[in-house]
Amino acid sequence: MRLDHIGIAVADLKAADELIARLLGRAPYKQEVVAEQSVITSFFDAGAQDAKLELVAPEGARGPIQKYLDKRGPGIHHLAFEVDDIRAEMARLAADGFQLLQEEPSLGADNKLVCFLHPKSTGGVLVEICQTRKS
């Protein structure tokens, strides 16, 4: 397992893109709509061993990111870790007592399969595990 990205929930993607671009001195390298999650994402190279920052904004007035923003406001949303075999890792984590938020991986941004772990079982941090989809 290795850090893939830090997800940051934002209400205004354009403003957040401009802020992070000024902070890092570089523009995002990719934006992507993930219809299944009702979000639009923007990715920045974080400058450390392929780690990225993912800005996540709601696409429309519904979805988990909008609910998160309504409840907590903008800020760090999740930590994502890349794995080689997401289904095997899901089974390992479930057997070790971690609470998975889904039984099957779903399609995520950046050509990934993703699964989230409930923060109650991960010390209060939403954790995403992800695997690059094979083309």
N, C-alpha and C. Protein backbone atom coordinates (compact mmCIF):
# COMPACT_ATOMS: atom_id res chain seq x y z
N MET A 1 0.86 -1.17 0.00
CA MET A 1 0.00 0.00 0.00
C MET A 1 0.90 1.23 0.00
N ARG A 2 0.58 2.19 -0.86
CA ARG A 2 1.38 3.42 -0.94
C ARG A 2 0.44 4.61 -1.15
N LEU A 3 0.83 5.75 -0.61
CA LEU A 3 0.00 6.94 -0.75
C LEU A 3 -0.18 7.28 -2.21
N ASP A 4 -1.41 7.45 -2.64
CA ASP A 4 -1.72 7.86 -4.01
C ASP A 4 -2.10 9.33 -4.05
N HIS A 5 -3.04 9.72 -3.17
CA HIS A 5 -3.42 11.13 -3.14
C HIS A 5 -4.11 11.50 -1.83
N ILE A 6 -4.19 12.79 -1.61
CA ILE A 6 -4.96 13.37 -0.52
C ILE A 6 -6.14 14.08 -1.17
N GLY A 7 -7.34 13.70 -0.77
CA GLY A 7 -8.55 14.29 -1.32
C GLY A 7 -9.01 15.46 -0.47
N ILE A 8 -9.31 16.57 -1.12
CA ILE A 8 -9.75 17.78 -0.43
C ILE A 8 -11.12 18.17 -0.98
N ALA A 9 -12.12 18.22 -0.12
CA ALA A 9 -13.46 18.62 -0.52
C ALA A 9 -13.51 20.14 -0.67
N VAL A 10 -14.05 20.59 -1.80
CA VAL A 10 -14.17 22.03 -2.06
C VAL A 10 -15.56 22.33 -2.60
N ALA A 11 -16.06 23.51 -2.30
CA ALA A 11 -17.36 23.91 -2.80
C ALA A 11 -17.25 24.57 -4.17
N ASP A 12 -16.16 25.30 -4.40
CA ASP A 12 -15.96 26.05 -5.65
C ASP A 12 -14.65 25.57 -6.28
N LEU A 13 -14.76 24.69 -7.26
CA LEU A 13 -13.56 24.08 -7.84
C LEU A 13 -12.68 25.11 -8.53
N LYS A 14 -13.27 26.07 -9.22
CA LYS A 14 -12.46 27.08 -9.92
C LYS A 14 -11.62 27.87 -8.93
N ALA A 15 -12.24 28.33 -7.85
CA ALA A 15 -11.51 29.11 -6.84
C ALA A 15 -10.44 28.25 -6.16
N ALA A 16 -10.77 26.99 -5.87
CA ALA A 16 -9.80 26.11 -5.23
C ALA A 16 -8.64 25.80 -6.17
N ASP A 17 -8.94 25.58 -7.46
CA ASP A 17 -7.87 25.36 -8.44
C ASP A 17 -6.91 26.55 -8.47
N GLU A 18 -7.47 27.75 -8.49
CA GLU A 18 -6.64 28.96 -8.54
C GLU A 18 -5.78 29.08 -7.29
N LEU A 19 -6.35 28.78 -6.13
CA LEU A 19 -5.61 28.86 -4.87
C LEU A 19 -4.46 27.86 -4.84
N ILE A 20 -4.74 26.61 -5.16
CA ILE A 20 -3.70 25.57 -5.11
C ILE A 20 -2.65 25.82 -6.19
N ALA A 21 -3.07 26.29 -7.36
CA ALA A 21 -2.10 26.61 -8.42
C ALA A 21 -1.15 27.72 -7.96
N ARG A 22 -1.68 28.73 -7.27
CA ARG A 22 -0.82 29.79 -6.73
C ARG A 22 0.10 29.23 -5.66
N LEU A 23 -0.42 28.38 -4.79
CA LEU A 23 0.35 27.80 -3.71
C LEU A 23 1.50 26.93 -4.23
N LEU A 24 1.21 26.05 -5.18
CA LEU A 24 2.21 25.10 -5.69
C LEU A 24 3.04 25.66 -6.84
N GLY A 25 2.53 26.72 -7.47
CA GLY A 25 3.24 27.29 -8.61
C GLY A 25 3.07 26.48 -9.88
N ARG A 26 1.99 25.70 -9.95
CA ARG A 26 1.70 24.92 -11.15
C ARG A 26 0.20 24.66 -11.25
N ALA A 27 -0.25 24.52 -12.47
CA ALA A 27 -1.67 24.29 -12.74
C ALA A 27 -2.03 22.82 -12.51
N PRO A 28 -3.33 22.53 -12.35
CA PRO A 28 -3.73 21.13 -12.28
C PRO A 28 -3.41 20.45 -13.61
N TYR A 29 -3.11 19.16 -13.55
CA TYR A 29 -2.80 18.45 -14.78
C TYR A 29 -4.00 17.74 -15.37
N LYS A 30 -5.11 17.71 -14.62
CA LYS A 30 -6.27 16.96 -15.11
C LYS A 30 -7.51 17.35 -14.34
N GLN A 31 -8.63 17.45 -15.05
CA GLN A 31 -9.95 17.56 -14.43
C GLN A 31 -10.80 16.43 -14.98
N GLU A 32 -11.70 15.92 -14.14
CA GLU A 32 -12.51 14.79 -14.55
C GLU A 32 -13.83 14.78 -13.79
N VAL A 33 -14.91 14.52 -14.50
CA VAL A 33 -16.21 14.32 -13.88
C VAL A 33 -16.36 12.83 -13.59
N VAL A 34 -16.78 12.51 -12.38
CA VAL A 34 -17.08 11.13 -12.01
C VAL A 34 -18.58 11.09 -11.72
N ALA A 35 -19.35 10.78 -12.76
CA ALA A 35 -20.81 10.83 -12.67
C ALA A 35 -21.34 9.90 -11.59
N GLU A 36 -20.73 8.73 -11.45
CA GLU A 36 -21.17 7.74 -10.47
C GLU A 36 -21.10 8.29 -9.04
N GLN A 37 -20.17 9.20 -8.78
CA GLN A 37 -20.01 9.80 -7.46
C GLN A 37 -20.61 11.20 -7.36
N SER A 38 -21.12 11.73 -8.48
CA SER A 38 -21.67 13.10 -8.54
C SER A 38 -20.62 14.14 -8.14
N VAL A 39 -19.40 13.98 -8.68
CA VAL A 39 -18.32 14.92 -8.37
C VAL A 39 -17.56 15.30 -9.63
N ILE A 40 -16.86 16.41 -9.51
CA ILE A 40 -15.85 16.79 -10.50
C ILE A 40 -14.55 16.92 -9.73
N THR A 41 -13.48 16.38 -10.30
CA THR A 41 -12.19 16.36 -9.61
C THR A 41 -11.16 17.14 -10.39
N SER A 42 -10.17 17.61 -9.68
CA SER A 42 -9.04 18.30 -10.28
C SER A 42 -7.80 17.78 -9.59
N PHE A 43 -6.80 17.36 -10.38
CA PHE A 43 -5.60 16.75 -9.84
C PHE A 43 -4.38 17.64 -10.01
N PHE A 44 -3.58 17.70 -8.94
CA PHE A 44 -2.31 18.43 -8.94
C PHE A 44 -1.20 17.45 -8.57
N ASP A 45 -0.06 17.58 -9.21
CA ASP A 45 1.13 16.85 -8.80
C ASP A 45 1.58 17.46 -7.48
N ALA A 46 1.70 16.62 -6.45
CA ALA A 46 2.09 17.12 -5.13
C ALA A 46 3.60 17.18 -4.95
N GLY A 47 4.35 16.71 -5.95
CA GLY A 47 5.80 16.84 -5.92
C GLY A 47 6.54 15.81 -5.11
N ALA A 48 5.88 14.73 -4.70
CA ALA A 48 6.56 13.72 -3.88
C ALA A 48 6.17 12.32 -4.33
N GLN A 49 7.08 11.62 -4.97
CA GLN A 49 6.92 10.22 -5.37
C GLN A 49 5.52 9.90 -5.90
N ASP A 50 5.10 10.59 -6.91
CA ASP A 50 3.82 10.34 -7.58
C ASP A 50 2.59 10.65 -6.74
N ALA A 51 2.74 11.21 -5.54
CA ALA A 51 1.58 11.57 -4.74
C ALA A 51 0.90 12.79 -5.36
N LYS A 52 -0.42 12.83 -5.22
CA LYS A 52 -1.22 13.89 -5.84
C LYS A 52 -2.13 14.53 -4.80
N LEU A 53 -2.59 15.72 -5.15
CA LEU A 53 -3.70 16.35 -4.45
C LEU A 53 -4.90 16.23 -5.37
N GLU A 54 -6.02 15.81 -4.82
CA GLU A 54 -7.25 15.71 -5.59
C GLU A 54 -8.27 16.67 -4.97
N LEU A 55 -8.65 17.70 -5.71
CA LEU A 55 -9.73 18.56 -5.27
C LEU A 55 -11.01 17.91 -5.74
N VAL A 56 -11.99 17.80 -4.85
CA VAL A 56 -13.25 17.12 -5.15
C VAL A 56 -14.39 18.09 -4.88
N ALA A 57 -15.15 18.42 -5.93
CA ALA A 57 -16.28 19.33 -5.80
C ALA A 57 -17.55 18.61 -6.21
N PRO A 58 -18.67 19.00 -5.63
CA PRO A 58 -19.93 18.36 -6.02
C PRO A 58 -20.30 18.73 -7.46
N GLU A 59 -20.85 17.79 -8.16
CA GLU A 59 -21.40 18.03 -9.50
C GLU A 59 -22.91 18.01 -9.32
N GLY A 60 -23.51 19.19 -9.20
CA GLY A 60 -24.93 19.28 -8.88
C GLY A 60 -25.13 19.42 -7.38
N ALA A 61 -26.38 19.33 -6.96
CA ALA A 61 -26.73 19.61 -5.56
C ALA A 61 -26.83 18.35 -4.70
N ARG A 62 -26.48 17.20 -5.24
CA ARG A 62 -26.59 15.95 -4.48
C ARG A 62 -25.26 15.21 -4.49
N GLY A 63 -25.21 14.17 -3.72
CA GLY A 63 -24.04 13.32 -3.69
C GLY A 63 -23.27 13.42 -2.40
N PRO A 64 -22.33 12.50 -2.20
CA PRO A 64 -21.61 12.43 -0.93
C PRO A 64 -20.74 13.65 -0.63
N ILE A 65 -20.15 14.26 -1.63
CA ILE A 65 -19.31 15.43 -1.36
C ILE A 65 -20.17 16.62 -0.96
N GLN A 66 -21.32 16.78 -1.60
CA GLN A 66 -22.22 17.87 -1.20
C GLN A 66 -22.68 17.67 0.24
N LYS A 67 -23.02 16.43 0.60
CA LYS A 67 -23.42 16.14 1.99
C LYS A 67 -22.27 16.44 2.96
N TYR A 68 -21.05 16.06 2.56
CA TYR A 68 -19.88 16.33 3.39
C TYR A 68 -19.71 17.84 3.58
N LEU A 69 -19.78 18.60 2.49
CA LEU A 69 -19.62 20.05 2.58
C LEU A 69 -20.71 20.69 3.44
N ASP A 70 -21.95 20.20 3.28
CA ASP A 70 -23.06 20.74 4.09
C ASP A 70 -22.82 20.51 5.58
N LYS A 71 -22.25 19.36 5.90
CA LYS A 71 -22.05 18.99 7.30
C LYS A 71 -20.76 19.56 7.90
N ARG A 72 -19.65 19.52 7.12
CA ARG A 72 -18.34 19.86 7.67
C ARG A 72 -17.65 21.05 7.02
N GLY A 73 -18.09 21.42 5.83
CA GLY A 73 -17.42 22.49 5.11
C GLY A 73 -16.22 21.95 4.35
N PRO A 74 -15.51 22.83 3.64
CA PRO A 74 -14.35 22.39 2.85
C PRO A 74 -13.18 21.97 3.73
N GLY A 75 -12.35 21.10 3.18
CA GLY A 75 -11.16 20.66 3.90
C GLY A 75 -10.74 19.26 3.48
N ILE A 76 -9.76 18.72 4.18
CA ILE A 76 -9.28 17.38 3.86
C ILE A 76 -10.43 16.40 4.01
N HIS A 77 -10.65 15.62 2.97
CA HIS A 77 -11.76 14.67 2.92
C HIS A 77 -11.29 13.24 3.12
N HIS A 78 -10.20 12.84 2.44
CA HIS A 78 -9.74 11.45 2.56
C HIS A 78 -8.27 11.31 2.20
N LEU A 79 -7.72 10.18 2.62
CA LEU A 79 -6.40 9.73 2.21
C LEU A 79 -6.60 8.51 1.32
N ALA A 80 -5.92 8.48 0.19
CA ALA A 80 -6.07 7.36 -0.74
C ALA A 80 -4.76 6.61 -0.89
N PHE A 81 -4.85 5.30 -0.85
CA PHE A 81 -3.69 4.44 -0.97
C PHE A 81 -3.85 3.50 -2.15
N GLU A 82 -2.84 3.47 -3.01
CA GLU A 82 -2.84 2.59 -4.18
C GLU A 82 -2.47 1.17 -3.72
N VAL A 83 -3.19 0.20 -4.26
CA VAL A 83 -2.91 -1.22 -3.99
C VAL A 83 -2.81 -1.95 -5.32
N ASP A 84 -2.18 -3.10 -5.32
CA ASP A 84 -2.03 -3.87 -6.55
C ASP A 84 -3.26 -4.69 -6.89
N ASP A 85 -3.99 -5.17 -5.86
CA ASP A 85 -5.17 -6.01 -6.06
C ASP A 85 -6.24 -5.55 -5.08
N ILE A 86 -7.16 -4.73 -5.55
CA ILE A 86 -8.13 -4.09 -4.65
C ILE A 86 -9.05 -5.11 -3.98
N ARG A 87 -9.47 -6.12 -4.71
CA ARG A 87 -10.38 -7.11 -4.12
C ARG A 87 -9.67 -7.90 -3.01
N ALA A 88 -8.44 -8.29 -3.24
CA ALA A 88 -7.68 -9.00 -2.20
C ALA A 88 -7.46 -8.10 -0.99
N GLU A 89 -7.18 -6.83 -1.24
CA GLU A 89 -6.96 -5.89 -0.13
C GLU A 89 -8.25 -5.63 0.63
N MET A 90 -9.38 -5.56 -0.08
CA MET A 90 -10.68 -5.40 0.59
C MET A 90 -10.94 -6.60 1.51
N ALA A 91 -10.67 -7.80 1.02
CA ALA A 91 -10.88 -9.01 1.83
C ALA A 91 -9.96 -9.00 3.05
N ARG A 92 -8.71 -8.63 2.86
CA ARG A 92 -7.75 -8.59 3.96
C ARG A 92 -8.19 -7.59 5.03
N LEU A 93 -8.58 -6.39 4.58
CA LEU A 93 -8.98 -5.34 5.51
C LEU A 93 -10.25 -5.73 6.27
N ALA A 94 -11.24 -6.29 5.56
CA ALA A 94 -12.48 -6.72 6.21
C ALA A 94 -12.19 -7.80 7.25
N ALA A 95 -11.34 -8.76 6.89
CA ALA A 95 -10.98 -9.83 7.82
C ALA A 95 -10.25 -9.29 9.05
N ASP A 96 -9.56 -8.16 8.89
CA ASP A 96 -8.83 -7.54 9.99
C ASP A 96 -9.69 -6.57 10.80
N GLY A 97 -10.99 -6.51 10.49
CA GLY A 97 -11.92 -5.71 11.30
C GLY A 97 -12.23 -4.32 10.79
N PHE A 98 -11.70 -3.95 9.64
CA PHE A 98 -12.02 -2.64 9.07
C PHE A 98 -13.39 -2.70 8.40
N GLN A 99 -14.15 -1.62 8.54
CA GLN A 99 -15.49 -1.56 7.97
C GLN A 99 -15.44 -0.95 6.58
N LEU A 100 -15.75 -1.75 5.57
CA LEU A 100 -15.79 -1.25 4.20
C LEU A 100 -17.13 -0.58 3.96
N LEU A 101 -17.12 0.50 3.20
CA LEU A 101 -18.37 1.20 2.89
C LEU A 101 -19.05 0.65 1.64
N GLN A 102 -18.44 -0.34 1.01
CA GLN A 102 -19.03 -0.96 -0.16
C GLN A 102 -18.51 -2.39 -0.29
N GLU A 103 -19.32 -3.23 -0.91
CA GLU A 103 -18.95 -4.63 -1.06
C GLU A 103 -18.12 -4.87 -2.31
N GLU A 104 -18.26 -4.03 -3.30
CA GLU A 104 -17.53 -4.13 -4.56
C GLU A 104 -16.85 -2.80 -4.85
N PRO A 105 -15.69 -2.82 -5.48
CA PRO A 105 -15.07 -1.55 -5.86
C PRO A 105 -15.92 -0.83 -6.90
N SER A 106 -15.85 0.49 -6.88
CA SER A 106 -16.58 1.30 -7.86
C SER A 106 -15.59 2.06 -8.73
N LEU A 107 -16.10 2.63 -9.80
CA LEU A 107 -15.25 3.42 -10.69
C LEU A 107 -14.99 4.77 -10.06
N GLY A 108 -13.73 5.17 -10.02
CA GLY A 108 -13.35 6.45 -9.48
C GLY A 108 -12.62 7.28 -10.52
N ALA A 109 -12.14 8.42 -10.12
CA ALA A 109 -11.39 9.30 -11.01
C ALA A 109 -10.01 8.72 -11.28
N ASP A 110 -9.35 9.27 -12.28
CA ASP A 110 -7.97 8.96 -12.60
C ASP A 110 -7.76 7.49 -12.98
N ASN A 111 -8.79 6.91 -13.64
CA ASN A 111 -8.72 5.53 -14.13
C ASN A 111 -8.52 4.52 -12.99
N LYS A 112 -9.24 4.72 -11.88
CA LYS A 112 -9.07 3.86 -10.71
C LYS A 112 -10.36 3.10 -10.37
N LEU A 113 -10.19 1.93 -9.78
CA LEU A 113 -11.23 1.26 -9.03
C LEU A 113 -11.02 1.70 -7.59
N VAL A 114 -12.10 1.98 -6.86
CA VAL A 114 -11.96 2.52 -5.51
C VAL A 114 -12.88 1.82 -4.52
N CYS A 115 -12.47 1.84 -3.27
CA CYS A 115 -13.29 1.37 -2.15
C CYS A 115 -12.95 2.24 -0.95
N PHE A 116 -13.96 2.67 -0.22
CA PHE A 116 -13.75 3.51 0.95
C PHE A 116 -13.95 2.70 2.23
N LEU A 117 -13.19 3.06 3.26
CA LEU A 117 -13.30 2.45 4.58
C LEU A 117 -13.93 3.46 5.53
N HIS A 118 -14.82 2.98 6.36
CA HIS A 118 -15.53 3.87 7.29
C HIS A 118 -14.56 4.49 8.28
N PRO A 119 -14.67 5.81 8.48
CA PRO A 119 -13.77 6.49 9.43
C PRO A 119 -13.83 5.95 10.86
N LYS A 120 -14.98 5.35 11.24
CA LYS A 120 -15.07 4.79 12.59
C LYS A 120 -14.08 3.65 12.80
N SER A 121 -13.67 3.01 11.70
CA SER A 121 -12.74 1.89 11.84
C SER A 121 -11.31 2.27 11.48
N THR A 122 -11.09 3.54 11.13
CA THR A 122 -9.74 3.98 10.71
C THR A 122 -9.28 5.21 11.50
N GLY A 123 -9.68 5.30 12.73
CA GLY A 123 -9.22 6.38 13.59
C GLY A 123 -9.77 7.74 13.22
N GLY A 124 -10.95 7.78 12.61
CA GLY A 124 -11.59 9.05 12.28
C GLY A 124 -11.23 9.62 10.92
N VAL A 125 -10.44 8.90 10.13
CA VAL A 125 -10.03 9.37 8.79
C VAL A 125 -10.70 8.51 7.73
N LEU A 126 -11.36 9.15 6.77
CA LEU A 126 -11.91 8.40 5.63
C LEU A 126 -10.73 7.94 4.79
N VAL A 127 -10.65 6.64 4.55
CA VAL A 127 -9.56 6.06 3.77
C VAL A 127 -10.13 5.45 2.50
N GLU A 128 -9.47 5.73 1.40
CA GLU A 128 -9.81 5.14 0.12
C GLU A 128 -8.66 4.23 -0.29
N ILE A 129 -9.00 3.03 -0.74
CA ILE A 129 -7.98 2.22 -1.41
C ILE A 129 -8.34 2.23 -2.89
N CYS A 130 -7.32 2.23 -3.72
CA CYS A 130 -7.56 2.34 -5.16
C CYS A 130 -6.58 1.48 -5.94
N GLN A 131 -7.02 1.07 -7.10
CA GLN A 131 -6.19 0.28 -8.01
C GLN A 131 -6.36 0.84 -9.40
N THR A 132 -5.27 1.04 -10.10
CA THR A 132 -5.35 1.50 -11.49
C THR A 132 -6.00 0.40 -12.32
N ARG A 133 -7.02 0.81 -13.10
CA ARG A 133 -7.71 -0.16 -13.95
C ARG A 133 -6.82 -0.55 -15.11
N LYS A 134 -6.87 -1.79 -15.44
CA LYS A 134 -6.12 -2.27 -16.61
C LYS A 134 -6.92 -1.94 -17.85
N SER A 135 -6.25 -1.43 -18.88
CA SER A 135 -6.97 -1.03 -20.09
C SER A 135 -7.38 -2.19 -20.93
